[in-house]
N, C-alpha and C. Protein backbone atom coordinates (compact mmCIF):
# COMPACT_ATOMS: atom_id res chain seq x y z
N MET A 1 -18.21 3.48 31.18
CA MET A 1 -18.48 2.94 29.85
C MET A 1 -19.48 1.80 29.99
N ASN A 2 -20.52 1.84 29.19
CA ASN A 2 -21.53 0.78 29.31
C ASN A 2 -21.17 -0.41 28.44
N LEU A 3 -21.88 -1.50 28.68
CA LEU A 3 -21.59 -2.74 27.95
C LEU A 3 -21.85 -2.62 26.46
N SER A 4 -22.82 -1.80 26.08
CA SER A 4 -23.13 -1.61 24.66
C SER A 4 -21.94 -0.99 23.93
N MET A 5 -21.32 0.00 24.55
CA MET A 5 -20.16 0.65 23.93
C MET A 5 -18.98 -0.31 23.85
N ILE A 6 -18.79 -1.10 24.87
CA ILE A 6 -17.70 -2.09 24.87
C ILE A 6 -17.93 -3.10 23.76
N GLY A 7 -19.16 -3.54 23.62
CA GLY A 7 -19.50 -4.50 22.56
C GLY A 7 -19.24 -3.92 21.18
N LYS A 8 -19.63 -2.66 20.99
CA LYS A 8 -19.40 -2.01 19.70
C LYS A 8 -17.90 -1.84 19.42
N ALA A 9 -17.15 -1.51 20.45
CA ALA A 9 -15.70 -1.34 20.29
C ALA A 9 -15.04 -2.67 19.92
N LEU A 10 -15.47 -3.75 20.56
CA LEU A 10 -14.92 -5.07 20.25
C LEU A 10 -15.29 -5.50 18.84
N GLU A 11 -16.52 -5.18 18.42
CA GLU A 11 -16.95 -5.51 17.07
C GLU A 11 -16.12 -4.74 16.04
N LEU A 12 -15.90 -3.45 16.30
CA LEU A 12 -15.10 -2.63 15.40
C LEU A 12 -13.68 -3.17 15.33
N LYS A 13 -13.10 -3.55 16.46
CA LYS A 13 -11.75 -4.10 16.46
C LYS A 13 -11.68 -5.37 15.63
N SER A 14 -12.68 -6.21 15.76
CA SER A 14 -12.72 -7.45 14.98
C SER A 14 -12.79 -7.14 13.48
N GLN A 15 -13.62 -6.16 13.11
CA GLN A 15 -13.75 -5.78 11.71
C GLN A 15 -12.45 -5.17 11.18
N LEU A 16 -11.79 -4.37 12.01
CA LEU A 16 -10.52 -3.76 11.59
C LEU A 16 -9.43 -4.81 11.43
N ASP A 17 -9.40 -5.79 12.32
CA ASP A 17 -8.43 -6.89 12.20
C ASP A 17 -8.65 -7.65 10.89
N LYS A 18 -9.92 -7.90 10.57
CA LYS A 18 -10.25 -8.59 9.33
C LYS A 18 -9.83 -7.75 8.12
N ALA A 19 -10.09 -6.45 8.18
CA ALA A 19 -9.72 -5.56 7.08
C ALA A 19 -8.21 -5.51 6.89
N GLN A 20 -7.46 -5.52 7.97
CA GLN A 20 -5.99 -5.52 7.88
C GLN A 20 -5.50 -6.80 7.19
N LYS A 21 -6.11 -7.92 7.52
CA LYS A 21 -5.74 -9.18 6.87
C LYS A 21 -6.07 -9.13 5.38
N GLU A 22 -7.22 -8.56 5.05
CA GLU A 22 -7.59 -8.42 3.63
C GLU A 22 -6.61 -7.53 2.90
N LEU A 23 -6.20 -6.43 3.53
CA LEU A 23 -5.23 -5.53 2.92
C LEU A 23 -3.89 -6.22 2.65
N ALA A 24 -3.51 -7.12 3.53
CA ALA A 24 -2.26 -7.85 3.34
C ALA A 24 -2.30 -8.69 2.07
N GLU A 25 -3.49 -9.09 1.65
CA GLU A 25 -3.67 -9.92 0.46
C GLU A 25 -3.82 -9.08 -0.82
N MET A 26 -4.16 -7.82 -0.67
CA MET A 26 -4.37 -6.95 -1.83
C MET A 26 -3.04 -6.46 -2.37
N VAL A 27 -2.96 -6.32 -3.69
CA VAL A 27 -1.71 -5.91 -4.33
C VAL A 27 -1.99 -4.78 -5.30
N VAL A 28 -1.09 -3.79 -5.29
CA VAL A 28 -1.12 -2.71 -6.28
C VAL A 28 0.19 -2.76 -7.05
N GLU A 29 0.16 -2.23 -8.27
CA GLU A 29 1.36 -2.19 -9.10
C GLU A 29 1.55 -0.79 -9.65
N ALA A 30 2.80 -0.38 -9.73
CA ALA A 30 3.14 0.90 -10.34
C ALA A 30 4.33 0.65 -11.26
N GLN A 31 4.46 1.55 -12.22
CA GLN A 31 5.58 1.41 -13.15
C GLN A 31 6.10 2.78 -13.55
N SER A 32 7.32 2.78 -14.05
CA SER A 32 7.90 4.00 -14.58
C SER A 32 8.75 3.63 -15.79
N GLY A 33 9.15 4.66 -16.53
CA GLY A 33 9.96 4.39 -17.72
C GLY A 33 9.24 3.52 -18.72
N LYS A 34 7.94 3.79 -18.92
CA LYS A 34 7.11 3.02 -19.85
C LYS A 34 7.16 1.53 -19.56
N GLY A 35 7.14 1.20 -18.27
CA GLY A 35 7.12 -0.20 -17.87
C GLY A 35 8.49 -0.81 -17.64
N ALA A 36 9.55 -0.02 -17.78
CA ALA A 36 10.91 -0.55 -17.59
C ALA A 36 11.14 -0.96 -16.14
N VAL A 37 10.50 -0.26 -15.20
CA VAL A 37 10.59 -0.60 -13.79
C VAL A 37 9.18 -0.80 -13.27
N ARG A 38 8.94 -1.96 -12.66
CA ARG A 38 7.63 -2.28 -12.10
C ARG A 38 7.81 -2.63 -10.62
N VAL A 39 6.89 -2.08 -9.82
CA VAL A 39 6.92 -2.33 -8.38
C VAL A 39 5.54 -2.79 -7.94
N THR A 40 5.50 -3.85 -7.14
CA THR A 40 4.24 -4.28 -6.55
C THR A 40 4.35 -4.09 -5.04
N ALA A 41 3.21 -3.71 -4.44
CA ALA A 41 3.15 -3.50 -3.00
C ALA A 41 1.84 -4.07 -2.48
N SER A 42 1.84 -4.44 -1.21
CA SER A 42 0.61 -4.91 -0.59
C SER A 42 -0.21 -3.72 -0.13
N GLY A 43 -1.43 -3.99 0.27
CA GLY A 43 -2.29 -2.95 0.82
C GLY A 43 -1.82 -2.45 2.17
N GLN A 44 -0.77 -3.07 2.70
CA GLN A 44 -0.18 -2.64 3.96
C GLN A 44 1.13 -1.90 3.75
N GLN A 45 1.32 -1.36 2.57
CA GLN A 45 2.49 -0.57 2.20
C GLN A 45 3.80 -1.34 2.31
N LYS A 46 3.78 -2.61 2.00
CA LYS A 46 5.00 -3.42 1.97
C LYS A 46 5.34 -3.69 0.51
N ILE A 47 6.58 -3.38 0.14
CA ILE A 47 7.03 -3.65 -1.22
C ILE A 47 7.19 -5.15 -1.37
N LEU A 48 6.53 -5.71 -2.37
CA LEU A 48 6.57 -7.16 -2.60
C LEU A 48 7.60 -7.53 -3.65
N SER A 49 7.73 -6.70 -4.68
CA SER A 49 8.71 -7.00 -5.72
C SER A 49 9.06 -5.76 -6.52
N ILE A 50 10.26 -5.80 -7.09
CA ILE A 50 10.71 -4.78 -8.01
C ILE A 50 11.29 -5.52 -9.21
N THR A 51 10.78 -5.19 -10.40
CA THR A 51 11.26 -5.82 -11.62
C THR A 51 11.85 -4.73 -12.52
N ILE A 52 13.05 -4.98 -13.01
CA ILE A 52 13.74 -4.01 -13.86
C ILE A 52 14.07 -4.68 -15.18
N SER A 53 13.64 -4.06 -16.27
CA SER A 53 13.95 -4.58 -17.61
C SER A 53 15.44 -4.46 -17.86
N PRO A 54 16.06 -5.48 -18.41
CA PRO A 54 17.51 -5.45 -18.68
C PRO A 54 17.94 -4.27 -19.58
N GLU A 55 17.05 -3.81 -20.43
CA GLU A 55 17.40 -2.72 -21.35
C GLU A 55 17.78 -1.43 -20.63
N VAL A 56 17.26 -1.22 -19.41
CA VAL A 56 17.53 0.04 -18.71
C VAL A 56 18.71 -0.08 -17.73
N ILE A 57 19.35 -1.24 -17.70
CA ILE A 57 20.50 -1.42 -16.82
C ILE A 57 21.75 -1.03 -17.60
N ASP A 58 22.19 0.18 -17.36
CA ASP A 58 23.38 0.73 -18.01
C ASP A 58 24.25 1.35 -16.92
N PRO A 59 25.42 0.76 -16.65
CA PRO A 59 26.28 1.28 -15.59
C PRO A 59 26.61 2.77 -15.73
N ASP A 60 26.59 3.27 -16.94
CA ASP A 60 26.90 4.67 -17.17
C ASP A 60 25.71 5.59 -16.90
N LYS A 61 24.54 4.99 -16.71
CA LYS A 61 23.34 5.79 -16.46
C LYS A 61 22.61 5.31 -15.21
N ALA A 62 23.38 5.02 -14.17
CA ALA A 62 22.80 4.51 -12.93
C ALA A 62 21.82 5.52 -12.33
N ASP A 63 22.11 6.80 -12.45
CA ASP A 63 21.23 7.82 -11.87
C ASP A 63 19.84 7.79 -12.52
N HIS A 64 19.79 7.49 -13.81
CA HIS A 64 18.50 7.39 -14.51
C HIS A 64 17.69 6.22 -13.95
N LEU A 65 18.35 5.08 -13.78
CA LEU A 65 17.67 3.89 -13.23
C LEU A 65 17.21 4.16 -11.80
N GLU A 66 18.03 4.82 -11.01
CA GLU A 66 17.65 5.15 -9.63
C GLU A 66 16.39 6.00 -9.61
N LYS A 67 16.29 6.96 -10.50
CA LYS A 67 15.10 7.82 -10.57
C LYS A 67 13.87 7.01 -10.96
N LEU A 68 14.03 6.09 -11.91
CA LEU A 68 12.90 5.26 -12.31
C LEU A 68 12.42 4.38 -11.16
N VAL A 69 13.34 3.81 -10.42
CA VAL A 69 12.99 2.95 -9.28
C VAL A 69 12.30 3.78 -8.21
N LEU A 70 12.86 4.92 -7.89
CA LEU A 70 12.27 5.78 -6.87
C LEU A 70 10.86 6.20 -7.26
N LYS A 71 10.66 6.57 -8.51
CA LYS A 71 9.34 6.98 -8.98
C LYS A 71 8.33 5.84 -8.85
N ALA A 72 8.72 4.65 -9.29
CA ALA A 72 7.81 3.51 -9.24
C ALA A 72 7.49 3.10 -7.81
N VAL A 73 8.49 3.11 -6.92
CA VAL A 73 8.26 2.76 -5.52
C VAL A 73 7.33 3.78 -4.87
N SER A 74 7.60 5.05 -5.11
CA SER A 74 6.76 6.10 -4.52
C SER A 74 5.32 5.97 -4.99
N GLU A 75 5.13 5.70 -6.27
CA GLU A 75 3.78 5.55 -6.81
C GLU A 75 3.08 4.32 -6.24
N ALA A 76 3.81 3.21 -6.10
CA ALA A 76 3.22 1.99 -5.54
C ALA A 76 2.78 2.22 -4.10
N LEU A 77 3.61 2.90 -3.31
CA LEU A 77 3.24 3.16 -1.92
C LEU A 77 2.07 4.13 -1.84
N ASP A 78 2.02 5.10 -2.72
CA ASP A 78 0.89 6.04 -2.75
C ASP A 78 -0.41 5.29 -3.09
N LYS A 79 -0.35 4.42 -4.09
CA LYS A 79 -1.53 3.62 -4.44
C LYS A 79 -1.95 2.74 -3.27
N SER A 80 -0.97 2.16 -2.58
CA SER A 80 -1.26 1.28 -1.45
C SER A 80 -1.94 2.06 -0.33
N ARG A 81 -1.44 3.27 -0.03
CA ARG A 81 -2.06 4.10 1.02
C ARG A 81 -3.50 4.45 0.65
N LYS A 82 -3.73 4.80 -0.61
CA LYS A 82 -5.08 5.14 -1.05
C LYS A 82 -6.01 3.93 -0.95
N LEU A 83 -5.49 2.77 -1.34
CA LEU A 83 -6.28 1.54 -1.23
C LEU A 83 -6.65 1.27 0.23
N ALA A 84 -5.68 1.42 1.12
CA ALA A 84 -5.93 1.18 2.55
C ALA A 84 -6.93 2.19 3.09
N ALA A 85 -6.77 3.45 2.72
CA ALA A 85 -7.70 4.48 3.22
C ALA A 85 -9.12 4.19 2.76
N LYS A 86 -9.26 3.78 1.52
CA LYS A 86 -10.59 3.47 0.99
C LYS A 86 -11.17 2.24 1.68
N HIS A 87 -10.36 1.21 1.82
CA HIS A 87 -10.82 -0.04 2.42
C HIS A 87 -11.17 0.14 3.89
N LEU A 88 -10.31 0.81 4.63
CA LEU A 88 -10.55 1.00 6.06
C LEU A 88 -11.56 2.11 6.32
N GLY A 89 -11.68 3.05 5.40
CA GLY A 89 -12.63 4.15 5.56
C GLY A 89 -14.06 3.66 5.64
N LYS A 90 -14.34 2.53 5.01
CA LYS A 90 -15.68 1.95 5.07
C LYS A 90 -16.04 1.57 6.51
N LEU A 91 -15.04 1.14 7.26
CA LEU A 91 -15.29 0.70 8.63
C LEU A 91 -15.29 1.88 9.62
N THR A 92 -14.39 2.82 9.37
CA THR A 92 -14.22 3.90 10.34
C THR A 92 -15.09 5.10 10.04
N GLY A 93 -15.82 5.06 8.94
CA GLY A 93 -16.67 6.19 8.58
C GLY A 93 -15.88 7.43 8.22
N GLY A 94 -14.65 7.23 7.74
CA GLY A 94 -13.81 8.35 7.34
C GLY A 94 -12.97 8.93 8.46
N ILE A 95 -13.15 8.42 9.67
CA ILE A 95 -12.35 8.91 10.80
C ILE A 95 -10.95 8.30 10.68
N LYS A 96 -9.94 9.15 10.74
CA LYS A 96 -8.56 8.66 10.65
C LYS A 96 -8.11 8.17 12.02
N ILE A 97 -7.78 6.91 12.09
CA ILE A 97 -7.33 6.29 13.35
C ILE A 97 -5.83 6.07 13.23
N PRO A 98 -5.05 6.67 14.12
CA PRO A 98 -3.59 6.52 14.06
C PRO A 98 -3.17 5.06 14.04
N GLY A 99 -2.21 4.75 13.18
CA GLY A 99 -1.69 3.41 13.08
C GLY A 99 -2.41 2.53 12.08
N LEU A 100 -3.56 2.99 11.56
CA LEU A 100 -4.29 2.19 10.60
C LEU A 100 -4.00 2.59 9.17
N MET A 101 -3.76 3.88 8.94
CA MET A 101 -3.55 4.35 7.58
C MET A 101 -2.35 5.25 7.52
């Protein structure tokens, strides 16, 4: 391996580290039940918060609330993955690197 390739690899690693830090600061939001359940996640697929409107908290309909939470969490994580793929894709030229996305 020549020094030019090593230099390029180190530069790419530095750019990827910076992009990962930027993703940690980015936030996406998803909702279900017409906004009754809201979930925010970071660009690193970490759930930051879940907010549930009191109107949908009914002990007799727990299964409905569970479905709303699951839907909102799934959507938030999907949005976060897409955000990460778009953000990191600029650096990797669309090449999928294991552990990054």
